[in-house]
């Protein structure tokens, strides 16, 4: 059973930065895609960004230029580096991964942007 464990969520002030981690229970290069979604209170889950096995990244327009996804194969971890955070970024952030058989999801980590 594949497990994804997110960490790093916390309260941060507007304009601040934060890095989330997603540690997988198997080597991340075995996945086709690893990425992030988020869900704000009262809203649907929203795609944030992803990184493919070839290292290509894709982001939703609202985070382009502010968020960066990267992977560390030695640590089986994918990171979501977030800068210039604003209150609209407040949400539970979920890591997901896809292989040829199915999707896998983490339990989520809370990010709150507030002064």
PDB file of N, CA and C in Angstrom:
ATOM      1  N   UNK A   1       0.833  -1.175   0.000  1.00  0.00           N
ATOM      2  CA  UNK A   1       0.000   0.000   0.000  1.00  0.00           C
ATOM      3  C   UNK A   1       0.887   1.252   0.000  1.00  0.00           C
ATOM      4  N   UNK A   2       0.684   2.112  -0.986  1.00  0.00           N
ATOM      5  CA  UNK A   2       1.467   3.339  -1.079  1.00  0.00           C
ATOM      6  C   UNK A   2       0.924   4.364  -0.102  1.00  0.00           C
ATOM      7  N   UNK A   3       1.813   5.028   0.600  1.00  0.00           N
ATOM      8  CA  UNK A   3       1.422   6.105   1.500  1.00  0.00           C
ATOM      9  C   UNK A   3       2.123   7.398   1.103  1.00  0.00           C
ATOM     10  N   UNK A   4       1.372   8.499   1.181  1.00  0.00           N
ATOM     11  CA  UNK A   4       1.912   9.829   0.964  1.00  0.00           C
ATOM     12  C   UNK A   4       1.661  10.626   2.235  1.00  0.00           C
ATOM     13  N   UNK A   5       2.709  11.215   2.783  1.00  0.00           N
ATOM     14  CA  UNK A   5       2.582  11.961   4.027  1.00  0.00           C
ATOM     15  C   UNK A   5       3.037  13.396   3.799  1.00  0.00           C
ATOM     16  N   UNK A   6       2.089  14.335   3.930  1.00  0.00           N
ATOM     17  CA  UNK A   6       2.411  15.745   3.796  1.00  0.00           C
ATOM     18  C   UNK A   6       2.837  16.326   5.136  1.00  0.00           C
ATOM     19  N   UNK A   7       3.639  17.353   5.073  1.00  0.00           N
ATOM     20  CA  UNK A   7       4.019  18.093   6.266  1.00  0.00           C
ATOM     21  C   UNK A   7       4.418  19.512   5.865  1.00  0.00           C
ATOM     22  N   UNK A   8       4.512  20.373   6.854  1.00  0.00           N
ATOM     23  CA  UNK A   8       4.967  21.730   6.612  1.00  0.00           C
ATOM     24  C   UNK A   8       3.910  22.805   6.680  1.00  0.00           C
ATOM     25  N   UNK A   9       2.658  22.422   6.733  1.00  0.00           N
ATOM     26  CA  UNK A   9       1.609  23.429   6.806  1.00  0.00           C
ATOM     27  C   UNK A   9       1.615  24.146   8.145  1.00  0.00           C
ATOM     28  N   UNK A  10       1.328  25.440   8.102  1.00  0.00           N
ATOM     29  CA  UNK A  10       1.279  26.236   9.329  1.00  0.00           C
ATOM     30  C   UNK A  10       0.660  27.579   9.035  1.00  0.00           C
ATOM     31  N   UNK A  11       0.583  28.398  10.049  1.00  0.00           N
ATOM     32  CA  UNK A  11       0.094  29.770   9.923  1.00  0.00           C
ATOM     33  C   UNK A  11       1.250  30.652   9.441  1.00  0.00           C
ATOM     34  N   UNK A  12       0.993  31.433   8.399  1.00  0.00           N
ATOM     35  CA  UNK A  12       2.021  32.321   7.856  1.00  0.00           C
ATOM     36  C   UNK A  12       1.375  33.662   7.526  1.00  0.00           C
ATOM     37  N   UNK A  13       2.148  34.713   7.632  1.00  0.00           N
ATOM     38  CA  UNK A  13       1.622  36.045   7.352  1.00  0.00           C
ATOM     39  C   UNK A  13       1.551  36.305   5.849  1.00  0.00           C
ATOM     40  N   UNK A  14       0.642  37.167   5.426  1.00  0.00           N
ATOM     41  CA  UNK A  14       0.594  37.541   4.001  1.00  0.00           C
ATOM     42  C   UNK A  14       1.949  38.044   3.523  1.00  0.00           C
ATOM     43  N   UNK A  15       2.310  37.612   2.319  1.00  0.00           N
ATOM     44  CA  UNK A  15       3.621  37.964   1.781  1.00  0.00           C
ATOM     45  C   UNK A  15       4.719  36.994   2.155  1.00  0.00           C
ATOM     46  N   UNK A  16       4.419  36.075   3.048  1.00  0.00           N
ATOM     47  CA  UNK A  16       5.414  35.129   3.521  1.00  0.00           C
ATOM     48  C   UNK A  16       5.602  33.941   2.603  1.00  0.00           C
ATOM     49  N   UNK A  17       6.493  33.061   3.015  1.00  0.00           N
ATOM     50  CA  UNK A  17       6.823  31.866   2.241  1.00  0.00           C
ATOM     51  C   UNK A  17       6.694  30.624   3.106  1.00  0.00           C
ATOM     52  N   UNK A  18       6.495  29.505   2.430  1.00  0.00           N
ATOM     53  CA  UNK A  18       6.336  28.237   3.126  1.00  0.00           C
ATOM     54  C   UNK A  18       6.671  27.115   2.157  1.00  0.00           C
ATOM     55  N   UNK A  19       7.264  26.056   2.672  1.00  0.00           N
ATOM     56  CA  UNK A  19       7.533  24.882   1.841  1.00  0.00           C
ATOM     57  C   UNK A  19       6.834  23.657   2.430  1.00  0.00           C
ATOM     58  N   UNK A  20       6.023  23.014   1.615  1.00  0.00           N
ATOM     59  CA  UNK A  20       5.358  21.775   2.006  1.00  0.00           C
ATOM     60  C   UNK A  20       6.142  20.589   1.467  1.00  0.00           C
ATOM     61  N   UNK A  21       6.100  19.503   2.218  1.00  0.00           N
ATOM     62  CA  UNK A  21       6.780  18.278   1.808  1.00  0.00           C
ATOM     63  C   UNK A  21       5.761  17.154   1.643  1.00  0.00           C
ATOM     64  N   UNK A  22       6.025  16.278   0.703  1.00  0.00           N
ATOM     65  CA  UNK A  22       5.208  15.084   0.494  1.00  0.00           C
ATOM     66  C   UNK A  22       6.165  13.905   0.395  1.00  0.00           C
ATOM     67  N   UNK A  23       6.204  13.098   1.434  1.00  0.00           N
ATOM     68  CA  UNK A  23       7.097  11.944   1.460  1.00  0.00           C
ATOM     69  C   UNK A  23       6.326  10.700   1.059  1.00  0.00           C
ATOM     70  N   UNK A  24       6.853   9.975   0.074  1.00  0.00           N
ATOM     71  CA  UNK A  24       6.196   8.768  -0.421  1.00  0.00           C
ATOM     72  C   UNK A  24       6.840   7.530   0.177  1.00  0.00           C
ATOM     73  N   UNK A  25       6.033   6.471   0.264  1.00  0.00           N
ATOM     74  CA  UNK A  25       6.529   5.218   0.850  1.00  0.00           C
ATOM     75  C   UNK A  25       7.250   4.365  -0.182  1.00  0.00           C
ATOM     76  N   UNK A  26       7.348   4.863  -1.414  1.00  0.00           N
ATOM     77  CA  UNK A  26       8.173   4.191  -2.401  1.00  0.00           C
ATOM     78  C   UNK A  26       8.854   5.256  -3.258  1.00  0.00           C
ATOM     79  N   UNK A  27       9.764   4.858  -4.095  1.00  0.00           N
ATOM     80  CA  UNK A  27      10.562   5.805  -4.866  1.00  0.00           C
ATOM     81  C   UNK A  27       9.693   6.620  -5.820  1.00  0.00           C
ATOM     82  N   UNK A  28       9.865   7.945  -5.777  1.00  0.00           N
ATOM     83  CA  UNK A  28       8.966   8.823  -6.516  1.00  0.00           C
ATOM     84  C   UNK A  28       9.112   8.682  -8.018  1.00  0.00           C
ATOM     85  N   UNK A  29      10.248   8.161  -8.500  1.00  0.00           N
ATOM     86  CA  UNK A  29      10.393   8.023  -9.950  1.00  0.00           C
ATOM     87  C   UNK A  29       9.531   6.879 -10.486  1.00  0.00           C
ATOM     88  N   UNK A  30       8.919   6.096  -9.596  1.00  0.00           N
ATOM     89  CA  UNK A  30       8.019   5.028 -10.034  1.00  0.00           C
ATOM     90  C   UNK A  30       6.628   5.554 -10.368  1.00  0.00           C
ATOM     91  N   UNK A  31       6.372   6.820 -10.025  1.00  0.00           N
ATOM     92  CA  UNK A  31       5.094   7.436 -10.359  1.00  0.00           C
ATOM     93  C   UNK A  31       5.196   8.180 -11.685  1.00  0.00           C
ATOM     94  N   UNK A  32       4.072   8.256 -12.417  1.00  0.00           N
ATOM     95  CA  UNK A  32       4.024   9.053 -13.639  1.00  0.00           C
ATOM     96  C   UNK A  32       3.961  10.537 -13.296  1.00  0.00           C
ATOM     97  N   UNK A  33       3.228  10.845 -12.248  1.00  0.00           N
ATOM     98  CA  UNK A  33       3.004  12.233 -11.840  1.00  0.00           C
ATOM     99  C   UNK A  33       2.909  12.299 -10.321  1.00  0.00           C
ATOM    100  N   UNK A  34       3.471  13.341  -9.739  1.00  0.00           N
ATOM    101  CA  UNK A  34       3.235  13.676  -8.334  1.00  0.00           C
ATOM    102  C   UNK A  34       2.853  15.155  -8.299  1.00  0.00           C
ATOM    103  N   UNK A  35       1.830  15.476  -7.519  1.00  0.00           N
ATOM    104  CA  UNK A  35       1.402  16.868  -7.525  1.00  0.00           C
ATOM    105  C   UNK A  35       0.648  17.259  -6.276  1.00  0.00           C
ATOM    106  N   UNK A  36       0.038  18.435  -6.375  1.00  0.00           N
ATOM    107  CA  UNK A  36      -0.660  19.020  -5.234  1.00  0.00           C
ATOM    108  C   UNK A  36      -2.026  19.567  -5.658  1.00  0.00           C
ATOM    109  N   UNK A  37      -2.980  19.351  -4.790  1.00  0.00           N
ATOM    110  CA  UNK A  37      -4.279  19.984  -4.857  1.00  0.00           C
ATOM    111  C   UNK A  37      -4.477  20.738  -3.544  1.00  0.00           C
ATOM    112  N   UNK A  38      -5.467  21.601  -3.532  1.00  0.00           N
ATOM    113  CA  UNK A  38      -5.830  22.275  -2.291  1.00  0.00           C
ATOM    114  C   UNK A  38      -7.339  22.455  -2.215  1.00  0.00           C
ATOM    115  N   UNK A  39      -7.829  22.556  -0.992  1.00  0.00           N
ATOM    116  CA  UNK A  39      -9.257  22.756  -0.781  1.00  0.00           C
ATOM    117  C   UNK A  39      -9.469  23.783   0.313  1.00  0.00           C
ATOM    118  N   UNK A  40     -10.067  24.895  -0.078  1.00  0.00           N
ATOM    119  CA  UNK A  40     -10.394  25.947   0.875  1.00  0.00           C
ATOM    120  C   UNK A  40     -11.774  25.675   1.465  1.00  0.00           C
ATOM    121  N   UNK A  41     -12.060  26.226   2.646  1.00  0.00           N
ATOM    122  CA  UNK A  41     -13.372  25.998   3.272  1.00  0.00           C
ATOM    123  C   UNK A  41     -14.520  26.389   2.350  1.00  0.00           C
ATOM    124  N   UNK A  42     -15.466  25.490   2.173  1.00  0.00           N
ATOM    125  CA  UNK A  42     -16.628  25.774   1.357  1.00  0.00           C
ATOM    126  C   UNK A  42     -16.389  25.741  -0.133  1.00  0.00           C
ATOM    127  N   UNK A  43     -15.206  25.331  -0.552  1.00  0.00           N
ATOM    128  CA  UNK A  43     -14.888  25.300  -1.979  1.00  0.00           C
ATOM    129  C   UNK A  43     -14.502  23.894  -2.415  1.00  0.00           C
ATOM    130  N   UNK A  44     -14.533  23.669  -3.726  1.00  0.00           N
ATOM    131  CA  UNK A  44     -14.113  22.380  -4.257  1.00  0.00           C
ATOM    132  C   UNK A  44     -12.594  22.272  -4.260  1.00  0.00           C
ATOM    133  N   UNK A  45     -12.149  21.044  -4.281  1.00  0.00           N
ATOM    134  CA  UNK A  45     -10.711  20.803  -4.359  1.00  0.00           C
ATOM    135  C   UNK A  45     -10.197  21.337  -5.689  1.00  0.00           C
ATOM    136  N   UNK A  46      -9.059  22.034  -5.634  1.00  0.00           N
ATOM    137  CA  UNK A  46      -8.495  22.725  -6.782  1.00  0.00           C
ATOM    138  C   UNK A  46      -7.101  22.214  -7.086  1.00  0.00           C
ATOM    139  N   UNK A  47      -6.825  21.980  -8.381  1.00  0.00           N
ATOM    140  CA  UNK A  47      -5.488  21.604  -8.803  1.00  0.00           C
ATOM    141  C   UNK A  47      -4.534  22.766  -8.574  1.00  0.00           C
ATOM    142  N   UNK A  48      -3.354  22.468  -8.024  1.00  0.00           N
ATOM    143  CA  UNK A  48      -2.332  23.489  -7.790  1.00  0.00           C
ATOM    144  C   UNK A  48      -1.178  23.330  -8.774  1.00  0.00           C
ATOM    145  N   UNK A  49      -0.610  22.145  -8.827  1.00  0.00           N
ATOM    146  CA  UNK A  49       0.509  21.912  -9.724  1.00  0.00           C
ATOM    147  C   UNK A  49       0.954  20.471  -9.639  1.00  0.00           C
ATOM    148  N   UNK A  50       1.857  20.081 -10.576  1.00  0.00           N
ATOM    149  CA  UNK A  50       2.339  18.717 -10.608  1.00  0.00           C
ATOM    150  C   UNK A  50       3.704  18.683 -11.267  1.00  0.00           C
ATOM    151  N   UNK A  51       4.396  17.586 -11.039  1.00  0.00           N
ATOM    152  CA  UNK A  51       5.659  17.336 -11.700  1.00  0.00           C
ATOM    153  C   UNK A  51       5.595  15.930 -12.291  1.00  0.00           C
ATOM    154  N   UNK A  52       6.030  15.805 -13.546  1.00  0.00           N
ATOM    155  CA  UNK A  52       5.979  14.511 -14.203  1.00  0.00           C
ATOM    156  C   UNK A  52       7.272  13.734 -13.967  1.00  0.00           C
ATOM    157  N   UNK A  53       7.280  12.489 -14.400  1.00  0.00           N
ATOM    158  CA  UNK A  53       8.477  11.672 -14.246  1.00  0.00           C
ATOM    159  C   UNK A  53       9.676  12.220 -15.001  1.00  0.00           C
ATOM    160  N   UNK A  54       9.427  12.999 -16.043  1.00  0.00           N
ATOM    161  CA  UNK A  54      10.517  13.601 -16.811  1.00  0.00           C
ATOM    162  C   UNK A  54      10.951  14.950 -16.231  1.00  0.00           C
ATOM    163  N   UNK A  55      10.283  15.374 -15.158  1.00  0.00           N
ATOM    164  CA  UNK A  55      10.662  16.616 -14.506  1.00  0.00           C
ATOM    165  C   UNK A  55       9.906  17.844 -14.961  1.00  0.00           C
ATOM    166  N   UNK A  56       8.945  17.661 -15.866  1.00  0.00           N
ATOM    167  CA  UNK A  56       8.164  18.807 -16.323  1.00  0.00           C
ATOM    168  C   UNK A  56       7.149  19.197 -15.261  1.00  0.00           C
ATOM    169  N   UNK A  57       6.938  20.490 -15.129  1.00  0.00           N
ATOM    170  CA  UNK A  57       5.998  20.994 -14.131  1.00  0.00           C
ATOM    171  C   UNK A  57       4.855  21.760 -14.797  1.00  0.00           C
ATOM    172  N   UNK A  58       3.716  21.723 -14.154  1.00  0.00           N
ATOM    173  CA  UNK A  58       2.539  22.462 -14.602  1.00  0.00           C
ATOM    174  C   UNK A  58       1.884  23.066 -13.378  1.00  0.00           C
ATOM    175  N   UNK A  59       1.344  24.289 -13.534  1.00  0.00           N
ATOM    176  CA  UNK A  59       0.732  24.983 -12.408  1.00  0.00           C
ATOM    177  C   UNK A  59      -0.581  25.630 -12.843  1.00  0.00           C
ATOM    178  N   UNK A  60      -1.472  25.786 -11.874  1.00  0.00           N
ATOM    179  CA  UNK A  60      -2.667  26.582 -12.120  1.00  0.00           C
ATOM    180  C   UNK A  60      -2.241  28.039 -12.242  1.00  0.00           C
ATOM    181  N   UNK A  61      -2.963  28.806 -13.037  1.00  0.00           N
ATOM    182  CA  UNK A  61      -2.550  30.183 -13.316  1.00  0.00           C
ATOM    183  C   UNK A  61      -2.370  31.020 -12.048  1.00  0.00           C
ATOM    184  N   UNK A  62      -3.204  30.786 -11.052  1.00  0.00           N
ATOM    185  CA  UNK A  62      -3.184  31.624  -9.857  1.00  0.00           C
ATOM    186  C   UNK A  62      -1.907  31.486  -9.027  1.00  0.00           C
ATOM    187  N   UNK A  63      -1.108  30.441  -9.273  1.00  0.00           N
ATOM    188  CA  UNK A  63       0.114  30.256  -8.489  1.00  0.00           C
ATOM    189  C   UNK A  63       1.375  30.356  -9.337  1.00  0.00           C
ATOM    190  N   UNK A  64       1.223  30.493 -10.646  1.00  0.00           N
ATOM    191  CA  UNK A  64       2.394  30.587 -11.514  1.00  0.00           C
ATOM    192  C   UNK A  64       3.277  31.755 -11.100  1.00  0.00           C
ATOM    193  N   UNK A  65       4.571  31.500 -11.034  1.00  0.00           N
ATOM    194  CA  UNK A  65       5.510  32.531 -10.626  1.00  0.00           C
ATOM    195  C   UNK A  65       5.676  32.654  -9.126  1.00  0.00           C
ATOM    196  N   UNK A  66       4.779  32.006  -8.368  1.00  0.00           N
ATOM    197  CA  UNK A  66       4.864  32.064  -6.899  1.00  0.00           C
ATOM    198  C   UNK A  66       5.175  30.696  -6.280  1.00  0.00           C
ATOM    199  N   UNK A  67       4.663  29.636  -6.892  1.00  0.00           N
ATOM    200  CA  UNK A  67       4.848  28.288  -6.356  1.00  0.00           C
ATOM    201  C   UNK A  67       5.788  27.499  -7.264  1.00  0.00           C
ATOM    202  N   UNK A  68       6.580  26.628  -6.645  1.00  0.00           N
ATOM    203  CA  UNK A  68       7.495  25.779  -7.392  1.00  0.00           C
ATOM    204  C   UNK A  68       7.453  24.361  -6.830  1.00  0.00           C
ATOM    205  N   UNK A  69       7.315  23.390  -7.711  1.00  0.00           N
ATOM    206  CA  UNK A  69       7.328  21.981  -7.311  1.00  0.00           C
ATOM    207  C   UNK A  69       8.663  21.373  -7.718  1.00  0.00           C
ATOM    208  N   UNK A  70       9.248  20.626  -6.796  1.00  0.00           N
ATOM    209  CA  UNK A  70      10.500  19.939  -7.080  1.00  0.00           C
ATOM    210  C   UNK A  70      10.506  18.596  -6.363  1.00  0.00           C
ATOM    211  N   UNK A  71      11.409  17.732  -6.782  1.00  0.00           N
ATOM    212  CA  UNK A  71      11.478  16.409  -6.183  1.00  0.00           C
ATOM    213  C   UNK A  71      12.892  16.051  -5.769  1.00  0.00           C
ATOM    214  N   UNK A  72      12.994  15.254  -4.726  1.00  0.00           N
ATOM    215  CA  UNK A  72      14.277  14.727  -4.248  1.00  0.00           C
ATOM    216  C   UNK A  72      14.147  13.215  -4.234  1.00  0.00           C
ATOM    217  N   UNK A  73      14.731  12.556  -5.245  1.00  0.00           N
ATOM    218  CA  UNK A  73      14.559  11.109  -5.353  1.00  0.00           C
ATOM    219  C   UNK A  73      15.257  10.372  -4.217  1.00  0.00           C
ATOM    220  N   UNK A  74      16.319  10.944  -3.683  1.00  0.00           N
ATOM    221  CA  UNK A  74      17.035  10.283  -2.585  1.00  0.00           C
ATOM    222  C   UNK A  74      16.182  10.220  -1.326  1.00  0.00           C
ATOM    223  N   UNK A  75      15.286  11.208  -1.173  1.00  0.00           N
ATOM    224  CA  UNK A  75      14.427  11.259   0.019  1.00  0.00           C
ATOM    225  C   UNK A  75      13.000  10.821  -0.283  1.00  0.00           C
ATOM    226  N   UNK A  76      12.736  10.418  -1.534  1.00  0.00           N
ATOM    227  CA  UNK A  76      11.370  10.035  -1.932  1.00  0.00           C
ATOM    228  C   UNK A  76      10.371  11.135  -1.580  1.00  0.00           C
ATOM    229  N   UNK A  77      10.769  12.369  -1.792  1.00  0.00           N
ATOM    230  CA  UNK A  77       9.968  13.513  -1.345  1.00  0.00           C
ATOM    231  C   UNK A  77       9.782  14.516  -2.474  1.00  0.00           C
ATOM    232  N   UNK A  78       8.572  15.029  -2.564  1.00  0.00           N
ATOM    233  CA  UNK A  78       8.249  16.124  -3.477  1.00  0.00           C
ATOM    234  C   UNK A  78       7.909  17.343  -2.635  1.00  0.00           C
ATOM    235  N   UNK A  79       8.396  18.496  -3.082  1.00  0.00           N
ATOM    236  CA  UNK A  79       8.213  19.735  -2.336  1.00  0.00           C
ATOM    237  C   UNK A  79       7.332  20.711  -3.096  1.00  0.00           C
ATOM    238  N   UNK A  80       6.606  21.505  -2.339  1.00  0.00           N
ATOM    239  CA  UNK A  80       5.853  22.620  -2.909  1.00  0.00           C
ATOM    240  C   UNK A  80       6.344  23.879  -2.202  1.00  0.00           C
ATOM    241  N   UNK A  81       7.162  24.650  -2.923  1.00  0.00           N
ATOM    242  CA  UNK A  81       7.684  25.896  -2.370  1.00  0.00           C
ATOM    243  C   UNK A  81       6.717  27.011  -2.740  1.00  0.00           C
ATOM    244  N   UNK A  82       6.245  27.721  -1.728  1.00  0.00           N
ATOM    245  CA  UNK A  82       5.235  28.754  -1.923  1.00  0.00           C
ATOM    246  C   UNK A  82       5.786  30.100  -1.455  1.00  0.00           C
ATOM    247  N   UNK A  83       5.688  31.104  -2.282  1.00  0.00           N
ATOM    248  CA  UNK A  83       6.130  32.451  -1.928  1.00  0.00           C
ATOM    249  C   UNK A  83       4.994  33.440  -2.179  1.00  0.00           C
ATOM    250  N   UNK A  84       5.177  34.652  -1.683  1.00  0.00           N
ATOM    251  CA  UNK A  84       4.181  35.716  -1.849  1.00  0.00           C
ATOM    252  C   UNK A  84       2.775  35.226  -1.514  1.00  0.00           C
ATOM    253  N   UNK A  85       2.670  34.535  -0.414  1.00  0.00           N
ATOM    254  CA  UNK A  85       1.385  33.971  -0.014  1.00  0.00           C
ATOM    255  C   UNK A  85       0.384  35.056   0.328  1.00  0.00           C
ATOM    256  N   UNK A  86      -0.870  34.796  -0.006  1.00  0.00           N
ATOM    257  CA  UNK A  86      -1.950  35.710   0.335  1.00  0.00           C
ATOM    258  C   UNK A  86      -3.106  34.914   0.930  1.00  0.00           C
ATOM    259  N   UNK A  87      -4.070  35.578   1.542  1.00  0.00           N
ATOM    260  CA  UNK A  87      -5.156  34.857   2.218  1.00  0.00           C
ATOM    261  C   UNK A  87      -5.904  33.886   1.302  1.00  0.00           C
ATOM    262  N   UNK A  88      -5.938  34.146   0.003  1.00  0.00           N
ATOM    263  CA  UNK A  88      -6.616  33.221  -0.916  1.00  0.00           C
ATOM    264  C   UNK A  88      -5.897  31.878  -1.030  1.00  0.00           C
ATOM    265  N   UNK A  89      -4.678  31.805  -0.547  1.00  0.00           N
ATOM    266  CA  UNK A  89      -3.938  30.539  -0.566  1.00  0.00           C
ATOM    267  C   UNK A  89      -4.266  29.667   0.644  1.00  0.00           C
ATOM    268  N   UNK A  90      -5.056  30.179   1.558  1.00  0.00           N
ATOM    269  CA  UNK A  90      -5.465  29.405   2.730  1.00  0.00           C
ATOM    270  C   UNK A  90      -6.286  28.203   2.307  1.00  0.00           C
ATOM    271  N   UNK A  91      -5.837  27.018   2.714  1.00  0.00           N
ATOM    272  CA  UNK A  91      -6.512  25.779   2.305  1.00  0.00           C
ATOM    273  C   UNK A  91      -5.818  24.595   2.950  1.00  0.00           C
ATOM    274  N   UNK A  92      -6.452  23.444   2.849  1.00  0.00           N
ATOM    275  CA  UNK A  92      -5.773  22.189   3.132  1.00  0.00           C
ATOM    276  C   UNK A  92      -5.113  21.740   1.827  1.00  0.00           C
ATOM    277  N   UNK A  93      -3.828  21.480   1.882  1.00  0.00           N
ATOM    278  CA  UNK A  93      -3.067  21.081   0.701  1.00  0.00           C
ATOM    279  C   UNK A  93      -2.856  19.573   0.721  1.00  0.00           C
ATOM    280  N   UNK A  94      -3.210  18.943  -0.390  1.00  0.00           N
ATOM    281  CA  UNK A  94      -3.113  17.499  -0.522  1.00  0.00           C
ATOM    282  C   UNK A  94      -2.087  17.124  -1.586  1.00  0.00           C
ATOM    283  N   UNK A  95      -1.282  16.155  -1.256  1.00  0.00           N
ATOM    284  CA  UNK A  95      -0.350  15.574  -2.217  1.00  0.00           C
ATOM    285  C   UNK A  95      -1.033  14.391  -2.901  1.00  0.00           C
ATOM    286  N   UNK A  96      -0.763  14.213  -4.177  1.00  0.00           N
ATOM    287  CA  UNK A  96      -1.279  13.042  -4.870  1.00  0.00           C
ATOM    288  C   UNK A  96      -0.205  12.507  -5.797  1.00  0.00           C
ATOM    289  N   UNK A  97      -0.363  11.241  -6.153  1.00  0.00           N
ATOM    290  CA  UNK A  97       0.554  10.599  -7.083  1.00  0.00           C
ATOM    291  C   UNK A  97      -0.223   9.628  -7.955  1.00  0.00           C
ATOM    292  N   UNK A  98       0.245   9.468  -9.181  1.00  0.00           N
ATOM    293  CA  UNK A  98      -0.390   8.551 -10.123  1.00  0.00           C
ATOM    294  C   UNK A  98       0.642   7.579 -10.666  1.00  0.00           C
ATOM    295  N   UNK A  99       0.242   6.306 -10.760  1.00  0.00           N
ATOM    296  CA  UNK A  99       1.034   5.376 -11.539  1.00  0.00           C
ATOM    297  C   UNK A  99       0.115   4.766 -12.592  1.00  0.00           C
ATOM    298  N   UNK A 100       0.519   3.678 -13.220  1.00  0.00           N
ATOM    299  CA  UNK A 100      -0.280   3.127 -14.312  1.00  0.00           C
ATOM    300  C   UNK A 100      -1.574   2.495 -13.829  1.00  0.00           C
ATOM    301  N   UNK A 101      -1.670   2.277 -12.510  1.00  0.00           N
ATOM    302  CA  UNK A 101      -2.830   1.570 -11.991  1.00  0.00           C
ATOM    303  C   UNK A 101      -3.849   2.485 -11.326  1.00  0.00           C
ATOM    304  N   UNK A 102      -3.391   3.514 -10.586  1.00  0.00           N
ATOM    305  CA  UNK A 102      -4.342   4.282  -9.791  1.00  0.00           C
ATOM    306  C   UNK A 102      -3.721   5.558  -9.264  1.00  0.00           C
ATOM    307  N   UNK A 103      -4.552   6.327  -8.573  1.00  0.00           N
ATOM    308  CA  UNK A 103      -4.106   7.516  -7.860  1.00  0.00           C
ATOM    309  C   UNK A 103      -3.947   7.220  -6.373  1.00  0.00           C
ATOM    310  N   UNK A 104      -3.061   7.992  -5.749  1.00  0.00           N
ATOM    311  CA  UNK A 104      -2.846   7.887  -4.307  1.00  0.00           C
ATOM    312  C   UNK A 104      -2.916   9.291  -3.730  1.00  0.00           C
ATOM    313  N   UNK A 105      -3.445   9.396  -2.516  1.00  0.00           N
ATOM    314  CA  UNK A 105      -3.628  10.702  -1.877  1.00  0.00           C
ATOM    315  C   UNK A 105      -3.085  10.696  -0.461  1.00  0.00           C
ATOM    316  N   UNK A 106      -2.558  11.848  -0.062  1.00  0.00           N
ATOM    317  CA  UNK A 106      -2.158  12.041   1.311  1.00  0.00           C
ATOM    318  C   UNK A 106      -3.324  12.539   2.141  1.00  0.00           C
ATOM    319  N   UNK A 107      -3.067  12.778   3.415  1.00  0.00           N
ATOM    320  CA  UNK A 107      -4.137  13.160   4.341  1.00  0.00           C
ATOM    321  C   UNK A 107      -4.343  14.667   4.399  1.00  0.00           C
ATOM    322  N   UNK A 108      -3.416  15.418   3.838  1.00  0.00           N
ATOM    323  CA  UNK A 108      -3.541  16.869   3.783  1.00  0.00           C
ATOM    324  C   UNK A 108      -2.797  17.574   4.907  1.00  0.00           C
ATOM    325  N   UNK A 109      -2.419  18.813   4.630  1.00  0.00           N
ATOM    326  CA  UNK A 109      -1.770  19.653   5.629  1.00  0.00           C
ATOM    327  C   UNK A 109      -2.343  21.063   5.501  1.00  0.00           C
ATOM    328  N   UNK A 110      -2.647  21.683   6.634  1.00  0.00           N
ATOM    329  CA  UNK A 110      -3.337  22.974   6.643  1.00  0.00           C
ATOM    330  C   UNK A 110      -2.349  24.125   6.479  1.00  0.00           C
ATOM    331  N   UNK A 111      -2.658  24.989   5.527  1.00  0.00           N
ATOM    332  CA  UNK A 111      -1.913  26.239   5.360  1.00  0.00           C
ATOM    333  C   UNK A 111      -2.885  27.388   5.599  1.00  0.00           C
ATOM    334  N   UNK A 112      -2.538  28.259   6.520  1.00  0.00           N
ATOM    335  CA  UNK A 112      -3.372  29.421   6.823  1.00  0.00           C
ATOM    336  C   UNK A 112      -2.538  30.685   6.631  1.00  0.00           C
ATOM    337  N   UNK A 113      -3.020  31.565   5.779  1.00  0.00           N
ATOM    338  CA  UNK A 113      -2.333  32.831   5.516  1.00  0.00           C
ATOM    339  C   UNK A 113      -3.167  33.942   6.141  1.00  0.00           C
ATOM    340  N   UNK A 114      -2.625  34.517   7.196  1.00  0.00           N
ATOM    341  CA  UNK A 114      -3.376  35.526   7.942  1.00  0.00           C
ATOM    342  C   UNK A 114      -2.430  36.361   8.774  1.00  0.00           C
ATOM    343  N   UNK A 115      -2.821  37.619   8.978  1.00  0.00           N
ATOM    344  CA  UNK A 115      -2.040  38.483   9.851  1.00  0.00           C
ATOM    345  C   UNK A 115      -2.601  38.464  11.263  1.00  0.00           C
TER     346      UNK A 115
END
